[in-house]
N, C-alpha and C. Protein backbone atom coordinates (compact mmCIF):
# COMPACT_ATOMS: atom_id res chain seq x y z
N MET A 1 2.30 -11.51 -54.46
CA MET A 1 1.61 -10.71 -55.46
C MET A 1 0.67 -9.74 -54.75
N ILE A 2 0.80 -8.48 -55.08
CA ILE A 2 -0.17 -7.47 -54.64
C ILE A 2 -1.25 -7.49 -55.70
N LYS A 3 -2.47 -7.79 -55.29
CA LYS A 3 -3.49 -8.05 -56.30
C LYS A 3 -4.52 -6.94 -56.45
N ALA A 4 -4.99 -6.84 -57.68
CA ALA A 4 -6.16 -6.06 -58.03
C ALA A 4 -7.18 -7.09 -58.48
N GLU A 5 -8.42 -6.93 -58.04
CA GLU A 5 -9.44 -7.92 -58.34
C GLU A 5 -10.59 -7.30 -59.12
N PHE A 6 -11.12 -8.06 -60.07
CA PHE A 6 -12.22 -7.62 -60.92
C PHE A 6 -13.32 -8.67 -60.90
N GLY A 7 -14.57 -8.21 -60.77
CA GLY A 7 -15.70 -9.12 -60.78
C GLY A 7 -16.90 -8.48 -61.44
N ILE A 8 -17.87 -9.31 -61.79
CA ILE A 8 -19.08 -8.84 -62.47
C ILE A 8 -20.19 -8.61 -61.44
N ILE A 9 -20.81 -7.44 -61.53
CA ILE A 9 -21.99 -7.15 -60.72
C ILE A 9 -23.20 -7.54 -61.55
N ASP A 10 -23.89 -8.61 -61.16
CA ASP A 10 -25.02 -9.12 -61.93
C ASP A 10 -26.21 -8.17 -61.93
N ASP A 11 -26.46 -7.53 -60.81
CA ASP A 11 -27.64 -6.67 -60.69
C ASP A 11 -27.22 -5.34 -60.05
N PHE A 12 -26.67 -4.45 -60.86
CA PHE A 12 -26.16 -3.19 -60.34
C PHE A 12 -27.30 -2.32 -59.79
N ASN A 13 -27.07 -1.76 -58.61
CA ASN A 13 -28.03 -0.86 -57.96
C ASN A 13 -27.25 0.33 -57.43
N GLU A 14 -27.56 1.50 -57.96
CA GLU A 14 -26.85 2.72 -57.57
C GLU A 14 -26.91 3.01 -56.08
N GLN A 15 -27.94 2.53 -55.39
CA GLN A 15 -28.11 2.81 -53.97
C GLN A 15 -27.48 1.76 -53.06
N LYS A 16 -26.96 0.69 -53.64
CA LYS A 16 -26.36 -0.38 -52.84
C LYS A 16 -25.03 0.07 -52.25
N ASP A 17 -24.65 -0.52 -51.15
CA ASP A 17 -23.36 -0.25 -50.52
C ASP A 17 -22.32 -1.21 -51.09
N TYR A 18 -21.44 -0.70 -51.93
CA TYR A 18 -20.39 -1.52 -52.54
C TYR A 18 -19.06 -1.40 -51.80
N LEU A 19 -19.08 -0.81 -50.61
CA LEU A 19 -17.85 -0.64 -49.84
C LEU A 19 -17.33 -1.94 -49.22
N LYS A 20 -18.20 -2.89 -49.06
CA LYS A 20 -17.81 -4.16 -48.44
C LYS A 20 -16.95 -4.98 -49.41
N TYR A 21 -15.89 -5.56 -48.89
CA TYR A 21 -14.99 -6.40 -49.70
C TYR A 21 -15.62 -7.78 -49.86
N GLU A 22 -16.13 -8.08 -51.05
CA GLU A 22 -16.83 -9.34 -51.31
C GLU A 22 -16.38 -9.97 -52.64
N PRO A 23 -15.11 -10.31 -52.78
CA PRO A 23 -14.64 -10.85 -54.06
C PRO A 23 -15.31 -12.17 -54.45
N GLN A 24 -15.68 -12.98 -53.48
CA GLN A 24 -16.33 -14.26 -53.79
C GLN A 24 -17.73 -14.03 -54.36
N LYS A 25 -18.42 -13.01 -53.90
CA LYS A 25 -19.78 -12.71 -54.39
C LYS A 25 -19.78 -12.37 -55.87
N TYR A 26 -18.72 -11.68 -56.31
CA TYR A 26 -18.63 -11.23 -57.70
C TYR A 26 -17.72 -12.12 -58.55
N HIS A 27 -17.29 -13.24 -57.99
CA HIS A 27 -16.44 -14.20 -58.70
C HIS A 27 -15.22 -13.50 -59.31
N CYS A 28 -14.50 -12.81 -58.46
CA CYS A 28 -13.40 -11.96 -58.92
C CYS A 28 -12.21 -12.74 -59.48
N ILE A 29 -11.59 -12.10 -60.44
CA ILE A 29 -10.33 -12.55 -61.02
C ILE A 29 -9.26 -11.62 -60.46
N ALA A 30 -8.18 -12.19 -59.93
CA ALA A 30 -7.09 -11.38 -59.37
C ALA A 30 -5.93 -11.32 -60.35
N ILE A 31 -5.38 -10.12 -60.52
CA ILE A 31 -4.16 -9.95 -61.31
C ILE A 31 -3.14 -9.22 -60.44
N ASP A 32 -1.90 -9.28 -60.84
CA ASP A 32 -0.82 -8.64 -60.10
C ASP A 32 -0.84 -7.14 -60.37
N ASP A 33 -1.20 -6.36 -59.36
CA ASP A 33 -1.32 -4.91 -59.51
C ASP A 33 -0.01 -4.28 -59.97
N ASP A 34 1.08 -4.58 -59.29
CA ASP A 34 2.37 -3.97 -59.64
C ASP A 34 2.82 -4.33 -61.04
N LYS A 35 2.53 -5.52 -61.44
CA LYS A 35 2.99 -6.03 -62.73
C LYS A 35 2.26 -5.37 -63.91
N TYR A 36 0.97 -5.05 -63.72
CA TYR A 36 0.17 -4.56 -64.84
C TYR A 36 -0.32 -3.12 -64.71
N MET A 37 -0.82 -2.73 -63.57
CA MET A 37 -1.48 -1.43 -63.44
C MET A 37 -0.56 -0.25 -63.77
N ASN A 38 0.69 -0.32 -63.37
CA ASN A 38 1.61 0.77 -63.68
C ASN A 38 1.77 0.93 -65.19
N ASP A 39 1.87 -0.19 -65.90
CA ASP A 39 2.03 -0.15 -67.36
C ASP A 39 0.76 0.34 -68.05
N TRP A 40 -0.39 0.05 -67.47
CA TRP A 40 -1.67 0.41 -68.08
C TRP A 40 -2.16 1.79 -67.68
N TRP A 41 -1.50 2.45 -66.73
CA TRP A 41 -2.08 3.62 -66.10
C TRP A 41 -2.49 4.72 -67.07
N ASN A 42 -1.64 5.07 -68.03
CA ASN A 42 -2.00 6.16 -68.96
C ASN A 42 -3.24 5.81 -69.76
N ALA A 43 -3.37 4.56 -70.18
CA ALA A 43 -4.56 4.13 -70.92
C ALA A 43 -5.78 4.12 -70.01
N LEU A 44 -5.59 3.71 -68.76
CA LEU A 44 -6.72 3.68 -67.81
C LEU A 44 -7.27 5.07 -67.53
N LEU A 45 -6.44 6.09 -67.68
CA LEU A 45 -6.90 7.47 -67.46
C LEU A 45 -7.94 7.91 -68.48
N GLU A 46 -8.12 7.13 -69.53
CA GLU A 46 -9.11 7.42 -70.57
C GLU A 46 -10.48 6.82 -70.24
N ILE A 47 -10.55 6.00 -69.21
CA ILE A 47 -11.78 5.26 -68.89
C ILE A 47 -12.60 5.99 -67.83
N ASP A 48 -13.90 6.15 -68.12
CA ASP A 48 -14.83 6.73 -67.14
C ASP A 48 -15.24 5.64 -66.15
N THR A 49 -15.12 5.95 -64.87
CA THR A 49 -15.47 5.00 -63.81
C THR A 49 -16.13 5.76 -62.66
N PHE A 50 -16.49 5.01 -61.62
CA PHE A 50 -17.04 5.60 -60.40
C PHE A 50 -16.22 5.12 -59.21
N ASN A 51 -15.82 6.04 -58.38
CA ASN A 51 -15.14 5.72 -57.13
C ASN A 51 -16.23 5.51 -56.07
N VAL A 52 -16.18 4.39 -55.37
CA VAL A 52 -17.17 4.12 -54.33
C VAL A 52 -16.78 4.88 -53.07
N ARG A 53 -17.64 5.79 -52.66
CA ARG A 53 -17.38 6.62 -51.47
C ARG A 53 -18.24 6.22 -50.28
N GLY A 54 -19.37 5.60 -50.52
CA GLY A 54 -20.28 5.22 -49.44
C GLY A 54 -21.53 4.62 -50.03
N GLN A 55 -22.47 4.29 -49.19
CA GLN A 55 -23.71 3.70 -49.67
C GLN A 55 -24.42 4.69 -50.58
N GLY A 56 -24.59 4.31 -51.83
CA GLY A 56 -25.26 5.17 -52.78
C GLY A 56 -24.45 6.39 -53.19
N VAL A 57 -23.16 6.44 -52.85
CA VAL A 57 -22.31 7.57 -53.22
C VAL A 57 -21.23 7.08 -54.18
N LEU A 58 -21.47 7.32 -55.46
CA LEU A 58 -20.52 6.94 -56.49
C LEU A 58 -20.00 8.21 -57.14
N GLN A 59 -18.72 8.48 -56.95
CA GLN A 59 -18.13 9.71 -57.46
C GLN A 59 -17.52 9.44 -58.84
N PRO A 60 -17.96 10.16 -59.88
CA PRO A 60 -17.36 9.98 -61.21
C PRO A 60 -15.86 10.29 -61.17
N GLN A 61 -15.10 9.51 -61.91
CA GLN A 61 -13.66 9.71 -61.99
C GLN A 61 -13.15 9.08 -63.28
N LYS A 62 -11.88 9.17 -63.49
CA LYS A 62 -11.19 8.47 -64.58
C LYS A 62 -10.29 7.43 -63.94
N ALA A 63 -10.06 6.35 -64.65
CA ALA A 63 -9.17 5.27 -64.21
C ALA A 63 -9.76 4.47 -63.06
N LEU A 64 -8.89 3.81 -62.30
CA LEU A 64 -9.29 2.94 -61.20
C LEU A 64 -8.75 3.48 -59.89
N SER A 65 -9.45 3.21 -58.81
CA SER A 65 -8.94 3.56 -57.48
C SER A 65 -7.93 2.49 -57.10
N ARG A 66 -6.68 2.85 -57.09
CA ARG A 66 -5.64 1.85 -56.82
C ARG A 66 -5.76 1.26 -55.42
N TRP A 67 -6.26 2.05 -54.46
CA TRP A 67 -6.36 1.58 -53.08
C TRP A 67 -7.79 1.64 -52.59
N GLY A 68 -8.73 1.54 -53.50
CA GLY A 68 -10.13 1.61 -53.12
C GLY A 68 -10.97 0.70 -53.99
N ILE A 69 -12.24 1.04 -54.10
CA ILE A 69 -13.18 0.24 -54.87
C ILE A 69 -13.72 1.11 -56.00
N THR A 70 -13.72 0.54 -57.19
CA THR A 70 -14.17 1.25 -58.38
C THR A 70 -15.28 0.44 -59.04
N ILE A 71 -16.27 1.14 -59.56
CA ILE A 71 -17.31 0.53 -60.37
C ILE A 71 -17.06 0.98 -61.82
N ILE A 72 -16.98 0.02 -62.72
CA ILE A 72 -16.71 0.31 -64.13
C ILE A 72 -18.01 0.08 -64.90
N PRO A 73 -18.56 1.13 -65.52
CA PRO A 73 -19.82 0.98 -66.25
C PRO A 73 -19.63 0.22 -67.56
N PRO A 74 -20.71 -0.35 -68.09
CA PRO A 74 -20.62 -1.10 -69.34
C PRO A 74 -20.00 -0.30 -70.50
N SER A 75 -20.25 0.99 -70.54
CA SER A 75 -19.72 1.82 -71.63
C SER A 75 -18.20 1.90 -71.63
N SER A 76 -17.55 1.66 -70.50
CA SER A 76 -16.09 1.72 -70.40
C SER A 76 -15.41 0.37 -70.60
N LEU A 77 -16.19 -0.68 -70.63
CA LEU A 77 -15.61 -2.03 -70.70
C LEU A 77 -14.89 -2.35 -72.02
N PRO A 78 -15.38 -1.90 -73.18
CA PRO A 78 -14.62 -2.19 -74.40
C PRO A 78 -13.19 -1.62 -74.36
N LYS A 79 -13.03 -0.42 -73.81
CA LYS A 79 -11.69 0.17 -73.69
C LYS A 79 -10.83 -0.64 -72.71
N LEU A 80 -11.42 -1.07 -71.59
CA LEU A 80 -10.68 -1.89 -70.64
C LEU A 80 -10.26 -3.21 -71.28
N LEU A 81 -11.15 -3.81 -72.04
CA LEU A 81 -10.82 -5.06 -72.73
C LEU A 81 -9.67 -4.85 -73.70
N ASP A 82 -9.69 -3.74 -74.41
CA ASP A 82 -8.61 -3.42 -75.34
C ASP A 82 -7.27 -3.29 -74.60
N ILE A 83 -7.29 -2.65 -73.45
CA ILE A 83 -6.05 -2.49 -72.66
C ILE A 83 -5.50 -3.85 -72.27
N VAL A 84 -6.36 -4.73 -71.81
CA VAL A 84 -5.92 -6.07 -71.37
C VAL A 84 -5.39 -6.87 -72.56
N MET A 85 -6.14 -6.86 -73.66
CA MET A 85 -5.77 -7.73 -74.78
C MET A 85 -4.59 -7.23 -75.60
N THR A 86 -4.27 -5.95 -75.51
CA THR A 86 -3.11 -5.44 -76.24
C THR A 86 -1.83 -5.50 -75.41
N ASP A 87 -1.93 -5.92 -74.17
CA ASP A 87 -0.74 -6.11 -73.35
C ASP A 87 0.07 -7.27 -73.94
N LYS A 88 1.35 -7.05 -74.13
CA LYS A 88 2.23 -8.08 -74.72
C LYS A 88 2.24 -9.38 -73.93
N ARG A 89 1.90 -9.30 -72.67
CA ARG A 89 1.92 -10.50 -71.81
C ARG A 89 0.58 -11.24 -71.80
N TYR A 90 -0.38 -10.74 -72.56
CA TYR A 90 -1.75 -11.27 -72.53
C TYR A 90 -1.81 -12.79 -72.72
N LYS A 91 -1.24 -13.30 -73.76
CA LYS A 91 -1.33 -14.74 -74.07
C LYS A 91 -0.49 -15.59 -73.12
N LYS A 92 0.42 -14.96 -72.40
CA LYS A 92 1.33 -15.70 -71.52
C LYS A 92 0.83 -15.80 -70.08
N ASP A 93 -0.20 -15.04 -69.74
CA ASP A 93 -0.68 -15.01 -68.36
C ASP A 93 -2.14 -15.43 -68.31
N LYS A 94 -2.40 -16.58 -67.73
CA LYS A 94 -3.77 -17.11 -67.69
C LYS A 94 -4.71 -16.19 -66.92
N ARG A 95 -4.17 -15.39 -66.00
CA ARG A 95 -5.01 -14.44 -65.26
C ARG A 95 -5.52 -13.33 -66.17
N LEU A 96 -4.68 -12.87 -67.10
CA LEU A 96 -5.11 -11.84 -68.04
C LEU A 96 -6.15 -12.41 -69.01
N VAL A 97 -5.96 -13.65 -69.43
CA VAL A 97 -6.94 -14.30 -70.30
C VAL A 97 -8.27 -14.41 -69.57
N ALA A 98 -8.23 -14.81 -68.29
CA ALA A 98 -9.46 -14.92 -67.49
C ALA A 98 -10.11 -13.55 -67.30
N LEU A 99 -9.30 -12.50 -67.10
CA LEU A 99 -9.84 -11.15 -66.96
C LEU A 99 -10.52 -10.71 -68.26
N ALA A 100 -9.89 -10.98 -69.39
CA ALA A 100 -10.50 -10.63 -70.68
C ALA A 100 -11.83 -11.36 -70.86
N ASP A 101 -11.88 -12.63 -70.48
CA ASP A 101 -13.12 -13.39 -70.57
C ASP A 101 -14.20 -12.79 -69.68
N LEU A 102 -13.82 -12.37 -68.48
CA LEU A 102 -14.77 -11.74 -67.55
C LEU A 102 -15.32 -10.44 -68.15
N ILE A 103 -14.44 -9.64 -68.72
CA ILE A 103 -14.87 -8.37 -69.32
C ILE A 103 -15.79 -8.63 -70.51
N ARG A 104 -15.45 -9.61 -71.34
CA ARG A 104 -16.31 -9.97 -72.48
C ARG A 104 -17.70 -10.38 -72.01
N GLN A 105 -17.75 -11.19 -70.96
CA GLN A 105 -19.04 -11.64 -70.42
C GLN A 105 -19.85 -10.44 -69.92
N ALA A 106 -19.19 -9.51 -69.23
CA ALA A 106 -19.88 -8.31 -68.74
C ALA A 106 -20.39 -7.46 -69.90
N ILE A 107 -19.61 -7.32 -70.96
CA ILE A 107 -20.05 -6.56 -72.13
C ILE A 107 -21.27 -7.23 -72.75
N LEU A 108 -21.20 -8.53 -72.93
CA LEU A 108 -22.29 -9.29 -73.54
C LEU A 108 -23.60 -9.13 -72.77
N ASN A 109 -23.50 -9.09 -71.44
CA ASN A 109 -24.70 -9.02 -70.59
C ASN A 109 -25.00 -7.61 -70.09
N ASP A 110 -24.25 -6.61 -70.58
CA ASP A 110 -24.44 -5.21 -70.19
C ASP A 110 -24.33 -5.03 -68.67
N ASN A 111 -23.33 -5.70 -68.07
CA ASN A 111 -23.10 -5.62 -66.63
C ASN A 111 -22.05 -4.58 -66.28
N TYR A 112 -22.11 -4.14 -65.04
CA TYR A 112 -21.04 -3.32 -64.46
C TYR A 112 -19.99 -4.27 -63.91
N VAL A 113 -18.75 -3.77 -63.79
CA VAL A 113 -17.65 -4.54 -63.21
C VAL A 113 -17.19 -3.81 -61.96
N ILE A 114 -16.89 -4.58 -60.93
CA ILE A 114 -16.34 -4.00 -59.69
C ILE A 114 -14.85 -4.30 -59.66
N HIS A 115 -14.08 -3.32 -59.20
CA HIS A 115 -12.63 -3.47 -59.08
C HIS A 115 -12.26 -3.17 -57.63
N TYR A 116 -11.55 -4.12 -57.03
CA TYR A 116 -11.00 -3.91 -55.69
C TYR A 116 -9.51 -3.63 -55.86
N GLY A 117 -9.10 -2.44 -55.43
CA GLY A 117 -7.69 -2.10 -55.48
C GLY A 117 -6.92 -2.78 -54.36
N VAL A 118 -5.67 -2.49 -54.30
CA VAL A 118 -4.74 -3.12 -53.36
C VAL A 118 -5.24 -3.05 -51.94
C-alpha cells in the first residue's frame, strides 16, 4: 500500500517547521493513496489548504500535496469529512472510518490536520 497519512495538530503554530516526517507525533491514520486519492481528486480541488515549503512558510493552495506535506485548516475539514463519508467504500474500510473519526475530532476541537503525501 502506498499510503497517505493524516493526523491532528493539537497546537498549530504558523512559525513551526512542519517539514519533518512525524506521523507518530500526530497519531496519523494511514489510507491507501492509490485506492482513494485519485477518486477524490476533483473534490479535493475544492478544499483550501497550505503546502508546507519550509519553517514558517505555508503556501496557500487547493487540494493536497500528493508527494509533500499539507496543512488542512479547520475551515476545510467539513468538506474533507464529506468526501471521506460519501465514498462508497466508507463503511467497508476501517481506515476510512478511522479517518472520518479523526476529522470529526479535529472539527470538534478546531484543530488543523496534517497530511503526509506519498
